[in-house]
Amino acid sequence: VSGRAGPERRGNAGCALPAAVDIQPACLGLYCGRTVLSVNGSVETYGDCGVCPRGQRTDDNKICRECMGSPDRYDWLYLGFMAMLPLVLHWFFIEWYSGKKSSSALLQHVTALFECSVAAIVTLLVSDPVGSLHIRSCKVKKLSDWYTMLYNPSPDYITTVHCTHEAVYPLYTIVFIYYAFCLVLMMLLRPLLVKKIACGLGKSDRFKSIYAALYFFPILTVLQAVGGGLLYYAFPYIILVLSLVTLAVYMSASEVESFKDLLVRKKRLVVLFSHWLLHAYGIISISKLDKLEQDLPLLALVPAPALFYVLTAKYTEPSRILSEGGNGH
């Protein structure tokens, strides 16, 4: 099927007549398109209306075009968030099951960071273009781009034309590839490490952080498969809310009531600075740093939640509230 009209025909009087064109049926569906079969100079030959190949998406004329762009700053921040999720969960469960019984927690933390870092680098290297840390991508235009399977047309209300493809290439599938590499590296490295260094834990406890990962990796995979588009637009706010809640819970559980309590243990400072980094990441993700003179001052708000908690902790201590309530009666 020719994508361009043929040359103009002239009548007996030399007047130009409309060119002969091939009438094509309309390409229905929001994400259905015609693939380019061949290119001869400026003339393109198109195929039937259907699904676009991987790495392509439809343009305004319903033609499948190859994704030749690069992820913008927000796209990279989203990929960074998805890459941080398994790392943060690794650290949480390592700390949860190690506790004060073992001095091997720090080495396990470093190993988890190494696993996720190597997995991220390998994922970028195997993505198109192969062997480069740069990736080519299609621009995300709207939420429906993440859920093309919901927009397969039914022209006669009987037959469905399946046009499901990755319109946000490769932001959807690259996360699954990264999780797969994380899981493989964890299974290769962590059991040997834990078996050698986790002497302070019982045989049933030393592998619990690994067992936890075998649960949360499938959960993260389902979360990306079902809610990838929602996470793409909401992750900055999710970071801010979760970092605020977890910081408040940690400081409450650690009975932090003053700045002196924070300085007593190095572990508390590490946790505090980690939350501050998450706060900064969330603020940067929301503002995108499009206007540096307006957005950079917002980073001054990063310590505000911790300062507010420390300054107001003594007024919200449960024992004090109960004692004052009793005196009131």
Foldseek 3Di string as FASTA:
>chain_A
DKPDFDDWDADPVRDTDDTDDDDDDDQDWPWWAWEFPDDDPPITDTDDTAAADAQWTQDPRRYTDGQAAFDDLLLVLLVVLLLCVLLVLLLVLLCVLPPPLFPCSVVSNVLLVVQSVVLLQCLCCCEPVHRDNTHGWADDDDLCLLVRQVTFDDPPVPDTGGHDYNNGPPSQPSSVSSLVSSLVSCVVPVVVVLVPGVPSDDPVRSCVSVVVSVPVSVVSNVCSSPPVSVCSVCVLVVLQVVLLVVLLVVCVVQVQQAVVSCPPDPVSVVSLVVSLVSNVSSLCSVVVCPDVVPRVVVSVCSCVSVVVCNVCVVVPDVVVVVVVVVVVD
